[in-house]
Amino acid sequence: MHKIPTLAVACGLLSLPLAHADVTQLLQSNACTACHQPAARVVGPSWQEVAQRYGDGSKSAEQLAASIKSGGSGSWGTVPMPPQTQLSDADASSIAEWILTTGHQ
């Protein structure tokens, strides 16, 4: 029987996506919910709209995370999204993965 080293298990656990409640907390604490909601367009697109547009694989979670951090304009209308530079790369990736996989449900 093979034993998996504890460090390998711990490293694997660190790479798991955040749970729904954790991502919801990230969205709220970083004011994402001021402009975005699960199913309704507010200032920016709903998470459902983002998931529908990119759920076909045209944008990866890494690309979406980069867009979240850098901000932008023109993709969803005339209102620009300010850069979210306060987010760590890991948090931006967790949010992007959540949007693309479960944020639209």
PDB file of N, CA and C in Angstrom:
ATOM      1  N   MET A   1       0.841  -1.183   0.000  1.00  0.00           N
ATOM      2  CA  MET A   1       0.000   0.000   0.000  1.00  0.00           C
ATOM      3  C   MET A   1       0.881   1.240   0.000  1.00  0.00           C
ATOM      4  N   HIS A   2       0.571   2.200  -0.855  1.00  0.00           N
ATOM      5  CA  HIS A   2       1.359   3.418  -0.960  1.00  0.00           C
ATOM      6  C   HIS A   2       0.784   4.493  -0.066  1.00  0.00           C
ATOM      7  N   LYS A   3       1.662   5.161   0.614  1.00  0.00           N
ATOM      8  CA  LYS A   3       1.241   6.281   1.440  1.00  0.00           C
ATOM      9  C   LYS A   3       1.546   7.576   0.698  1.00  0.00           C
ATOM     10  N   ILE A   4       0.608   8.483   0.707  1.00  0.00           N
ATOM     11  CA  ILE A   4       0.807   9.785   0.087  1.00  0.00           C
ATOM     12  C   ILE A   4       1.390  10.708   1.148  1.00  0.00           C
ATOM     13  N   PRO A   5       2.512  11.325   0.854  1.00  0.00           N
ATOM     14  CA  PRO A   5       3.092  12.244   1.844  1.00  0.00           C
ATOM     15  C   PRO A   5       2.113  13.350   2.219  1.00  0.00           C
ATOM     16  N   THR A   6       2.135  13.714   3.481  1.00  0.00           N
ATOM     17  CA  THR A   6       1.233  14.741   3.990  1.00  0.00           C
ATOM     18  C   THR A   6       1.391  16.050   3.231  1.00  0.00           C
ATOM     19  N   LEU A   7       2.625  16.412   2.891  1.00  0.00           N
ATOM     20  CA  LEU A   7       2.843  17.656   2.166  1.00  0.00           C
ATOM     21  C   LEU A   7       2.155  17.633   0.810  1.00  0.00           C
ATOM     22  N   ALA A   8       2.193  16.511   0.127  1.00  0.00           N
ATOM     23  CA  ALA A   8       1.536  16.416  -1.181  1.00  0.00           C
ATOM     24  C   ALA A   8       0.029  16.576  -1.036  1.00  0.00           C
ATOM     25  N   VAL A   9      -0.521  15.972  -0.005  1.00  0.00           N
ATOM     26  CA  VAL A   9      -1.955  16.110   0.233  1.00  0.00           C
ATOM     27  C   VAL A   9      -2.282  17.566   0.544  1.00  0.00           C
ATOM     28  N   ALA A  10      -1.491  18.185   1.402  1.00  0.00           N
ATOM     29  CA  ALA A  10      -1.734  19.582   1.764  1.00  0.00           C
ATOM     30  C   ALA A  10      -1.634  20.482   0.535  1.00  0.00           C
ATOM     31  N   CYS A  11      -0.646  20.253  -0.298  1.00  0.00           N
ATOM     32  CA  CYS A  11      -0.502  21.072  -1.506  1.00  0.00           C
ATOM     33  C   CYS A  11      -1.691  20.871  -2.434  1.00  0.00           C
ATOM     34  N   GLY A  12      -2.170  19.662  -2.540  1.00  0.00           N
ATOM     35  CA  GLY A  12      -3.339  19.393  -3.368  1.00  0.00           C
ATOM     36  C   GLY A  12      -4.570  20.103  -2.842  1.00  0.00           C
ATOM     37  N   LEU A  13      -4.714  20.121  -1.551  1.00  0.00           N
ATOM     38  CA  LEU A  13      -5.868  20.786  -0.953  1.00  0.00           C
ATOM     39  C   LEU A  13      -5.805  22.291  -1.170  1.00  0.00           C
ATOM     40  N   LEU A  14      -4.618  22.837  -1.182  1.00  0.00           N
ATOM     41  CA  LEU A  14      -4.487  24.272  -1.388  1.00  0.00           C
ATOM     42  C   LEU A  14      -4.910  24.697  -2.785  1.00  0.00           C
ATOM     43  N   SER A  15      -4.870  23.767  -3.723  1.00  0.00           N
ATOM     44  CA  SER A  15      -5.218  24.124  -5.095  1.00  0.00           C
ATOM     45  C   SER A  15      -6.702  23.918  -5.400  1.00  0.00           C
ATOM     46  N   LEU A  16      -7.473  23.415  -4.444  1.00  0.00           N
ATOM     47  CA  LEU A  16      -8.896  23.219  -4.670  1.00  0.00           C
ATOM     48  C   LEU A  16      -9.595  24.569  -4.748  1.00  0.00           C
ATOM     49  N   PRO A  17     -10.634  24.675  -5.579  1.00  0.00           N
ATOM     50  CA  PRO A  17     -11.355  25.946  -5.644  1.00  0.00           C
ATOM     51  C   PRO A  17     -12.058  26.239  -4.325  1.00  0.00           C
ATOM     52  N   LEU A  18     -12.279  27.503  -4.074  1.00  0.00           N
ATOM     53  CA  LEU A  18     -12.978  27.900  -2.855  1.00  0.00           C
ATOM     54  C   LEU A  18     -14.429  27.441  -2.897  1.00  0.00           C
ATOM     55  N   ALA A  19     -14.971  27.192  -1.732  1.00  0.00           N
ATOM     56  CA  ALA A  19     -16.380  26.824  -1.625  1.00  0.00           C
ATOM     57  C   ALA A  19     -17.248  28.028  -1.967  1.00  0.00           C
ATOM     58  N   HIS A  20     -18.493  27.759  -2.307  1.00  0.00           N
ATOM     59  CA  HIS A  20     -19.452  28.808  -2.681  1.00  0.00           C
ATOM     60  C   HIS A  20     -19.494  29.926  -1.641  1.00  0.00           C
ATOM     61  N   ALA A  21     -19.561  29.575  -0.360  1.00  0.00           N
ATOM     62  CA  ALA A  21     -19.643  30.592   0.692  1.00  0.00           C
ATOM     63  C   ALA A  21     -18.391  31.457   0.713  1.00  0.00           C
ATOM     64  N   ASP A  22     -17.226  30.857   0.467  1.00  0.00           N
ATOM     65  CA  ASP A  22     -15.979  31.615   0.452  1.00  0.00           C
ATOM     66  C   ASP A  22     -15.942  32.594  -0.716  1.00  0.00           C
ATOM     67  N   VAL A  23     -16.391  32.153  -1.884  1.00  0.00           N
ATOM     68  CA  VAL A  23     -16.410  33.033  -3.046  1.00  0.00           C
ATOM     69  C   VAL A  23     -17.434  34.144  -2.837  1.00  0.00           C
ATOM     70  N   THR A  24     -18.583  33.810  -2.279  1.00  0.00           N
ATOM     71  CA  THR A  24     -19.594  34.822  -1.992  1.00  0.00           C
ATOM     72  C   THR A  24     -19.021  35.888  -1.062  1.00  0.00           C
ATOM     73  N   GLN A  25     -18.258  35.468  -0.073  1.00  0.00           N
ATOM     74  CA  GLN A  25     -17.617  36.429   0.841  1.00  0.00           C
ATOM     75  C   GLN A  25     -16.620  37.303   0.090  1.00  0.00           C
ATOM     76  N   LEU A  26     -15.840  36.718  -0.811  1.00  0.00           N
ATOM     77  CA  LEU A  26     -14.897  37.495  -1.630  1.00  0.00           C
ATOM     78  C   LEU A  26     -15.637  38.530  -2.476  1.00  0.00           C
ATOM     79  N   LEU A  27     -16.731  38.114  -3.094  1.00  0.00           N
ATOM     80  CA  LEU A  27     -17.510  39.013  -3.944  1.00  0.00           C
ATOM     81  C   LEU A  27     -18.059  40.185  -3.147  1.00  0.00           C
ATOM     82  N   GLN A  28     -18.541  39.897  -1.960  1.00  0.00           N
ATOM     83  CA  GLN A  28     -19.108  40.951  -1.122  1.00  0.00           C
ATOM     84  C   GLN A  28     -18.030  41.860  -0.545  1.00  0.00           C
ATOM     85  N   SER A  29     -16.950  41.286  -0.052  1.00  0.00           N
ATOM     86  CA  SER A  29     -15.924  42.099   0.601  1.00  0.00           C
ATOM     87  C   SER A  29     -15.131  42.943  -0.390  1.00  0.00           C
ATOM     88  N   ASN A  30     -15.177  42.600  -1.664  1.00  0.00           N
ATOM     89  CA  ASN A  30     -14.472  43.376  -2.681  1.00  0.00           C
ATOM     90  C   ASN A  30     -15.427  44.224  -3.516  1.00  0.00           C
ATOM     91  N   ALA A  31     -16.656  44.372  -3.050  1.00  0.00           N
ATOM     92  CA  ALA A  31     -17.675  45.228  -3.659  1.00  0.00           C
ATOM     93  C   ALA A  31     -18.078  44.806  -5.071  1.00  0.00           C
ATOM     94  N   CYS A  32     -17.827  43.557  -5.437  1.00  0.00           N
ATOM     95  CA  CYS A  32     -18.244  43.061  -6.761  1.00  0.00           C
ATOM     96  C   CYS A  32     -19.765  43.128  -6.901  1.00  0.00           C
ATOM     97  N   THR A  33     -20.466  42.896  -5.793  1.00  0.00           N
ATOM     98  CA  THR A  33     -21.922  42.848  -5.822  1.00  0.00           C
ATOM     99  C   THR A  33     -22.556  44.230  -6.010  1.00  0.00           C
ATOM    100  N   ALA A  34     -21.753  45.286  -5.937  1.00  0.00           N
ATOM    101  CA  ALA A  34     -22.292  46.620  -6.211  1.00  0.00           C
ATOM    102  C   ALA A  34     -22.631  46.768  -7.689  1.00  0.00           C
ATOM    103  N   CYS A  35     -21.930  46.045  -8.536  1.00  0.00           N
ATOM    104  CA  CYS A  35     -22.127  46.162  -9.986  1.00  0.00           C
ATOM    105  C   CYS A  35     -22.585  44.870 -10.659  1.00  0.00           C
ATOM    106  N   HIS A  36     -22.423  43.745  -9.988  1.00  0.00           N
ATOM    107  CA  HIS A  36     -22.748  42.441 -10.578  1.00  0.00           C
ATOM    108  C   HIS A  36     -23.626  41.630  -9.640  1.00  0.00           C
ATOM    109  N   GLN A  37     -24.572  40.918 -10.211  1.00  0.00           N
ATOM    110  CA  GLN A  37     -25.466  40.037  -9.472  1.00  0.00           C
ATOM    111  C   GLN A  37     -25.531  38.690 -10.189  1.00  0.00           C
ATOM    112  N   PRO A  38     -26.033  37.659  -9.527  1.00  0.00           N
ATOM    113  CA  PRO A  38     -26.071  36.333 -10.153  1.00  0.00           C
ATOM    114  C   PRO A  38     -26.826  36.288 -11.484  1.00  0.00           C
ATOM    115  N   ALA A  39     -28.036  36.837 -11.531  1.00  0.00           N
ATOM    116  CA  ALA A  39     -28.843  36.661 -12.739  1.00  0.00           C
ATOM    117  C   ALA A  39     -29.359  37.958 -13.346  1.00  0.00           C
ATOM    118  N   ALA A  40     -29.112  39.083 -12.693  1.00  0.00           N
ATOM    119  CA  ALA A  40     -29.642  40.357 -13.196  1.00  0.00           C
ATOM    120  C   ALA A  40     -28.509  41.326 -13.501  1.00  0.00           C
ATOM    121  N   ARG A  41     -28.612  41.985 -14.631  1.00  0.00           N
ATOM    122  CA  ARG A  41     -27.642  43.020 -14.985  1.00  0.00           C
ATOM    123  C   ARG A  41     -27.905  44.238 -14.100  1.00  0.00           C
ATOM    124  N   VAL A  42     -26.844  44.740 -13.491  1.00  0.00           N
ATOM    125  CA  VAL A  42     -26.959  45.934 -12.659  1.00  0.00           C
ATOM    126  C   VAL A  42     -26.172  47.023 -13.394  1.00  0.00           C
ATOM    127  N   VAL A  43     -24.951  47.283 -13.011  1.00  0.00           N
ATOM    128  CA  VAL A  43     -24.081  48.197 -13.744  1.00  0.00           C
ATOM    129  C   VAL A  43     -23.337  47.409 -14.820  1.00  0.00           C
ATOM    130  N   GLY A  44     -22.832  46.270 -14.410  1.00  0.00           N
ATOM    131  CA  GLY A  44     -22.135  45.360 -15.323  1.00  0.00           C
ATOM    132  C   GLY A  44     -22.971  44.114 -15.553  1.00  0.00           C
ATOM    133  N   PRO A  45     -22.447  43.198 -16.339  1.00  0.00           N
ATOM    134  CA  PRO A  45     -23.204  41.981 -16.647  1.00  0.00           C
ATOM    135  C   PRO A  45     -23.402  41.108 -15.412  1.00  0.00           C
ATOM    136  N   SER A  46     -24.452  40.313 -15.451  1.00  0.00           N
ATOM    137  CA  SER A  46     -24.653  39.340 -14.381  1.00  0.00           C
ATOM    138  C   SER A  46     -23.609  38.232 -14.541  1.00  0.00           C
ATOM    139  N   TRP A  47     -23.381  37.500 -13.480  1.00  0.00           N
ATOM    140  CA  TRP A  47     -22.443  36.374 -13.566  1.00  0.00           C
ATOM    141  C   TRP A  47     -22.983  35.331 -14.529  1.00  0.00           C
ATOM    142  N   GLN A  48     -24.295  35.229 -14.614  1.00  0.00           N
ATOM    143  CA  GLN A  48     -24.918  34.299 -15.550  1.00  0.00           C
ATOM    144  C   GLN A  48     -24.567  34.685 -16.991  1.00  0.00           C
ATOM    145  N   GLU A  49     -24.630  35.974 -17.303  1.00  0.00           N
ATOM    146  CA  GLU A  49     -24.277  36.433 -18.653  1.00  0.00           C
ATOM    147  C   GLU A  49     -22.815  36.126 -18.979  1.00  0.00           C
ATOM    148  N   VAL A  50     -21.940  36.349 -18.014  1.00  0.00           N
ATOM    149  CA  VAL A  50     -20.512  36.076 -18.223  1.00  0.00           C
ATOM    150  C   VAL A  50     -20.308  34.578 -18.470  1.00  0.00           C
ATOM    151  N   ALA A  51     -20.952  33.756 -17.642  1.00  0.00           N
ATOM    152  CA  ALA A  51     -20.820  32.305 -17.804  1.00  0.00           C
ATOM    153  C   ALA A  51     -21.374  31.842 -19.144  1.00  0.00           C
ATOM    154  N   GLN A  52     -22.477  32.434 -19.568  1.00  0.00           N
ATOM    155  CA  GLN A  52     -23.052  32.057 -20.856  1.00  0.00           C
ATOM    156  C   GLN A  52     -22.147  32.459 -22.009  1.00  0.00           C
ATOM    157  N   ARG A  53     -21.549  33.638 -21.922  1.00  0.00           N
ATOM    158  CA  ARG A  53     -20.683  34.110 -23.008  1.00  0.00           C
ATOM    159  C   ARG A  53     -19.402  33.284 -23.105  1.00  0.00           C
ATOM    160  N   TYR A  54     -18.804  32.977 -21.962  1.00  0.00           N
ATOM    161  CA  TYR A  54     -17.501  32.320 -21.971  1.00  0.00           C
ATOM    162  C   TYR A  54     -17.541  30.843 -21.601  1.00  0.00           C
ATOM    163  N   GLY A  55     -18.723  30.333 -21.295  1.00  0.00           N
ATOM    164  CA  GLY A  55     -18.855  28.929 -20.916  1.00  0.00           C
ATOM    165  C   GLY A  55     -18.508  27.960 -22.026  1.00  0.00           C
ATOM    166  N   ASP A  56     -18.407  28.464 -23.242  1.00  0.00           N
ATOM    167  CA  ASP A  56     -18.049  27.612 -24.373  1.00  0.00           C
ATOM    168  C   ASP A  56     -16.542  27.407 -24.479  1.00  0.00           C
ATOM    169  N   GLY A  57     -15.795  27.964 -23.528  1.00  0.00           N
ATOM    170  CA  GLY A  57     -14.347  27.824 -23.535  1.00  0.00           C
ATOM    171  C   GLY A  57     -13.629  28.933 -24.283  1.00  0.00           C
ATOM    172  N   SER A  58     -14.367  29.925 -24.771  1.00  0.00           N
ATOM    173  CA  SER A  58     -13.727  31.015 -25.504  1.00  0.00           C
ATOM    174  C   SER A  58     -12.855  31.880 -24.600  1.00  0.00           C
ATOM    175  N   LYS A  59     -13.066  31.800 -23.303  1.00  0.00           N
ATOM    176  CA  LYS A  59     -12.203  32.486 -22.336  1.00  0.00           C
ATOM    177  C   LYS A  59     -12.010  31.550 -21.158  1.00  0.00           C
ATOM    178  N   SER A  60     -10.765  31.313 -20.805  1.00  0.00           N
ATOM    179  CA  SER A  60     -10.464  30.438 -19.677  1.00  0.00           C
ATOM    180  C   SER A  60     -10.629  31.190 -18.367  1.00  0.00           C
ATOM    181  N   ALA A  61     -10.633  30.448 -17.271  1.00  0.00           N
ATOM    182  CA  ALA A  61     -10.708  31.077 -15.955  1.00  0.00           C
ATOM    183  C   ALA A  61      -9.493  31.978 -15.737  1.00  0.00           C
ATOM    184  N   GLU A  62      -8.333  31.583 -16.255  1.00  0.00           N
ATOM    185  CA  GLU A  62      -7.136  32.413 -16.118  1.00  0.00           C
ATOM    186  C   GLU A  62      -7.305  33.735 -16.858  1.00  0.00           C
ATOM    187  N   GLN A  63      -7.878  33.690 -18.052  1.00  0.00           N
ATOM    188  CA  GLN A  63      -8.098  34.914 -18.823  1.00  0.00           C
ATOM    189  C   GLN A  63      -9.135  35.806 -18.150  1.00  0.00           C
ATOM    190  N   LEU A  64     -10.192  35.193 -17.622  1.00  0.00           N
ATOM    191  CA  LEU A  64     -11.211  35.976 -16.934  1.00  0.00           C
ATOM    192  C   LEU A  64     -10.639  36.606 -15.673  1.00  0.00           C
ATOM    193  N   ALA A  65      -9.820  35.864 -14.938  1.00  0.00           N
ATOM    194  CA  ALA A  65      -9.178  36.408 -13.734  1.00  0.00           C
ATOM    195  C   ALA A  65      -8.306  37.607 -14.098  1.00  0.00           C
ATOM    196  N   ALA A  66      -7.576  37.512 -15.192  1.00  0.00           N
ATOM    197  CA  ALA A  66      -6.740  38.629 -15.635  1.00  0.00           C
ATOM    198  C   ALA A  66      -7.604  39.837 -15.989  1.00  0.00           C
ATOM    199  N   SER A  67      -8.766  39.592 -16.614  1.00  0.00           N
ATOM    200  CA  SER A  67      -9.695  40.682 -16.951  1.00  0.00           C
ATOM    201  C   SER A  67     -10.262  41.331 -15.696  1.00  0.00           C
ATOM    202  N   ILE A  68     -10.551  40.528 -14.700  1.00  0.00           N
ATOM    203  CA  ILE A  68     -11.072  41.057 -13.437  1.00  0.00           C
ATOM    204  C   ILE A  68     -10.026  41.977 -12.808  1.00  0.00           C
ATOM    205  N   LYS A  69      -8.792  41.520 -12.764  1.00  0.00           N
ATOM    206  CA  LYS A  69      -7.730  42.308 -12.130  1.00  0.00           C
ATOM    207  C   LYS A  69      -7.381  43.567 -12.916  1.00  0.00           C
ATOM    208  N   SER A  70      -7.398  43.495 -14.240  1.00  0.00           N
ATOM    209  CA  SER A  70      -6.975  44.647 -15.041  1.00  0.00           C
ATOM    210  C   SER A  70      -8.110  45.608 -15.375  1.00  0.00           C
ATOM    211  N   GLY A  71      -9.362  45.152 -15.221  1.00  0.00           N
ATOM    212  CA  GLY A  71     -10.497  45.991 -15.582  1.00  0.00           C
ATOM    213  C   GLY A  71     -10.612  46.087 -17.095  1.00  0.00           C
ATOM    214  N   GLY A  72     -11.441  46.986 -17.559  1.00  0.00           N
ATOM    215  CA  GLY A  72     -11.568  47.144 -18.997  1.00  0.00           C
ATOM    216  C   GLY A  72     -12.849  47.846 -19.374  1.00  0.00           C
ATOM    217  N   SER A  73     -13.040  47.987 -20.670  1.00  0.00           N
ATOM    218  CA  SER A  73     -14.266  48.598 -21.166  1.00  0.00           C
ATOM    219  C   SER A  73     -14.538  48.113 -22.579  1.00  0.00           C
ATOM    220  N   GLY A  74     -15.803  48.213 -22.961  1.00  0.00           N
ATOM    221  CA  GLY A  74     -16.197  47.875 -24.319  1.00  0.00           C
ATOM    222  C   GLY A  74     -16.726  46.477 -24.519  1.00  0.00           C
ATOM    223  N   SER A  75     -16.371  45.532 -23.666  1.00  0.00           N
ATOM    224  CA  SER A  75     -16.843  44.161 -23.843  1.00  0.00           C
ATOM    225  C   SER A  75     -18.310  43.988 -23.468  1.00  0.00           C
ATOM    226  N   TRP A  76     -18.776  44.792 -22.524  1.00  0.00           N
ATOM    227  CA  TRP A  76     -20.128  44.647 -22.003  1.00  0.00           C
ATOM    228  C   TRP A  76     -20.915  45.945 -22.071  1.00  0.00           C
ATOM    229  N   GLY A  77     -20.476  46.894 -22.832  1.00  0.00           N
ATOM    230  CA  GLY A  77     -21.168  48.174 -22.922  1.00  0.00           C
ATOM    231  C   GLY A  77     -20.202  49.308 -22.676  1.00  0.00           C
ATOM    232  N   THR A  78     -20.761  50.462 -22.375  1.00  0.00           N
ATOM    233  CA  THR A  78     -19.935  51.663 -22.282  1.00  0.00           C
ATOM    234  C   THR A  78     -19.361  51.924 -20.893  1.00  0.00           C
ATOM    235  N   VAL A  79     -19.914  51.305 -19.861  1.00  0.00           N
ATOM    236  CA  VAL A  79     -19.438  51.548 -18.503  1.00  0.00           C
ATOM    237  C   VAL A  79     -18.180  50.705 -18.265  1.00  0.00           C
ATOM    238  N   PRO A  80     -17.060  51.358 -17.960  1.00  0.00           N
ATOM    239  CA  PRO A  80     -15.830  50.593 -17.735  1.00  0.00           C
ATOM    240  C   PRO A  80     -15.831  49.895 -16.376  1.00  0.00           C
ATOM    241  N   MET A  81     -15.146  48.776 -16.330  1.00  0.00           N
ATOM    242  CA  MET A  81     -14.930  48.089 -15.053  1.00  0.00           C
ATOM    243  C   MET A  81     -13.567  48.521 -14.538  1.00  0.00           C
ATOM    244  N   PRO A  82     -13.537  49.089 -13.340  1.00  0.00           N
ATOM    245  CA  PRO A  82     -12.241  49.516 -12.811  1.00  0.00           C
ATOM    246  C   PRO A  82     -11.371  48.306 -12.484  1.00  0.00           C
ATOM    247  N   PRO A  83     -10.061  48.470 -12.533  1.00  0.00           N
ATOM    248  CA  PRO A  83      -9.161  47.374 -12.173  1.00  0.00           C
ATOM    249  C   PRO A  83      -9.384  46.956 -10.723  1.00  0.00           C
ATOM    250  N   GLN A  84      -9.320  45.689 -10.493  1.00  0.00           N
ATOM    251  CA  GLN A  84      -9.493  45.140  -9.144  1.00  0.00           C
ATOM    252  C   GLN A  84      -8.128  44.664  -8.632  1.00  0.00           C
ATOM    253  N   THR A  85      -7.204  45.594  -8.554  1.00  0.00           N
ATOM    254  CA  THR A  85      -5.827  45.263  -8.203  1.00  0.00           C
ATOM    255  C   THR A  85      -5.659  44.804  -6.758  1.00  0.00           C
ATOM    256  N   GLN A  86      -6.656  45.061  -5.911  1.00  0.00           N
ATOM    257  CA  GLN A  86      -6.576  44.629  -4.524  1.00  0.00           C
ATOM    258  C   GLN A  86      -6.729  43.113  -4.394  1.00  0.00           C
ATOM    259  N   LEU A  87      -7.264  42.464  -5.421  1.00  0.00           N
ATOM    260  CA  LEU A  87      -7.433  41.017  -5.389  1.00  0.00           C
ATOM    261  C   LEU A  87      -6.106  40.315  -5.616  1.00  0.00           C
ATOM    262  N   SER A  88      -5.859  39.293  -4.841  1.00  0.00           N
ATOM    263  CA  SER A  88      -4.690  38.459  -5.115  1.00  0.00           C
ATOM    264  C   SER A  88      -4.971  37.653  -6.381  1.00  0.00           C
ATOM    265  N   ASP A  89      -3.939  37.134  -6.997  1.00  0.00           N
ATOM    266  CA  ASP A  89      -4.129  36.291  -8.172  1.00  0.00           C
ATOM    267  C   ASP A  89      -4.992  35.080  -7.825  1.00  0.00           C
ATOM    268  N   ALA A  90      -4.774  34.508  -6.644  1.00  0.00           N
ATOM    269  CA  ALA A  90      -5.537  33.333  -6.215  1.00  0.00           C
ATOM    270  C   ALA A  90      -7.018  33.667  -6.051  1.00  0.00           C
ATOM    271  N   ASP A  91      -7.316  34.820  -5.446  1.00  0.00           N
ATOM    272  CA  ASP A  91      -8.717  35.212  -5.255  1.00  0.00           C
ATOM    273  C   ASP A  91      -9.387  35.516  -6.587  1.00  0.00           C
ATOM    274  N   ALA A  92      -8.691  36.209  -7.478  1.00  0.00           N
ATOM    275  CA  ALA A  92      -9.256  36.496  -8.804  1.00  0.00           C
ATOM    276  C   ALA A  92      -9.517  35.196  -9.558  1.00  0.00           C
ATOM    277  N   SER A  93      -8.614  34.244  -9.438  1.00  0.00           N
ATOM    278  CA  SER A  93      -8.804  32.940 -10.096  1.00  0.00           C
ATOM    279  C   SER A  93      -9.980  32.185  -9.503  1.00  0.00           C
ATOM    280  N   SER A  94     -10.129  32.237  -8.194  1.00  0.00           N
ATOM    281  CA  SER A  94     -11.262  31.561  -7.547  1.00  0.00           C
ATOM    282  C   SER A  94     -12.582  32.155  -8.002  1.00  0.00           C
ATOM    283  N   ILE A  95     -12.648  33.473  -8.077  1.00  0.00           N
ATOM    284  CA  ILE A  95     -13.871  34.138  -8.534  1.00  0.00           C
ATOM    285  C   ILE A  95     -14.166  33.759  -9.981  1.00  0.00           C
ATOM    286  N   ALA A  96     -13.155  33.811 -10.836  1.00  0.00           N
ATOM    287  CA  ALA A  96     -13.347  33.493 -12.253  1.00  0.00           C
ATOM    288  C   ALA A  96     -13.804  32.052 -12.440  1.00  0.00           C
ATOM    289  N   GLU A  97     -13.179  31.131 -11.751  1.00  0.00           N
ATOM    290  CA  GLU A  97     -13.556  29.718 -11.850  1.00  0.00           C
ATOM    291  C   GLU A  97     -14.991  29.517 -11.375  1.00  0.00           C
ATOM    292  N   TRP A  98     -15.341  30.175 -10.280  1.00  0.00           N
ATOM    293  CA  TRP A  98     -16.696  30.068  -9.742  1.00  0.00           C
ATOM    294  C   TRP A  98     -17.716  30.595 -10.747  1.00  0.00           C
ATOM    295  N   ILE A  99     -17.420  31.756 -11.336  1.00  0.00           N
ATOM    296  CA  ILE A  99     -18.355  32.329 -12.323  1.00  0.00           C
ATOM    297  C   ILE A  99     -18.550  31.374 -13.480  1.00  0.00           C
ATOM    298  N   LEU A 100     -17.464  30.827 -13.993  1.00  0.00           N
ATOM    299  CA  LEU A 100     -17.558  29.965 -15.173  1.00  0.00           C
ATOM    300  C   LEU A 100     -18.173  28.603 -14.879  1.00  0.00           C
ATOM    301  N   THR A 101     -18.096  28.147 -13.628  1.00  0.00           N
ATOM    302  CA  THR A 101     -18.608  26.810 -13.328  1.00  0.00           C
ATOM    303  C   THR A 101     -19.901  26.800 -12.533  1.00  0.00           C
ATOM    304  N   THR A 102     -20.022  27.672 -11.538  1.00  0.00           N
ATOM    305  CA  THR A 102     -21.217  27.618 -10.687  1.00  0.00           C
ATOM    306  C   THR A 102     -21.899  28.959 -10.487  1.00  0.00           C
ATOM    307  N   GLY A 103     -21.262  30.039 -10.859  1.00  0.00           N
ATOM    308  CA  GLY A 103     -21.804  31.370 -10.605  1.00  0.00           C
ATOM    309  C   GLY A 103     -23.063  31.675 -11.382  1.00  0.00           C
ATOM    310  N   HIS A 104     -23.340  30.895 -12.376  1.00  0.00           N
ATOM    311  CA  HIS A 104     -24.514  31.161 -13.213  1.00  0.00           C
ATOM    312  C   HIS A 104     -25.693  30.292 -12.828  1.00  0.00           C
ATOM    313  N   GLN A 105     -25.529  29.454 -11.849  1.00  0.00           N
ATOM    314  CA  GLN A 105     -26.616  28.531 -11.484  1.00  0.00           C
ATOM    315  C   GLN A 105     -27.546  29.145 -10.469  1.00  0.00           C
TER     316      GLN A 105
END
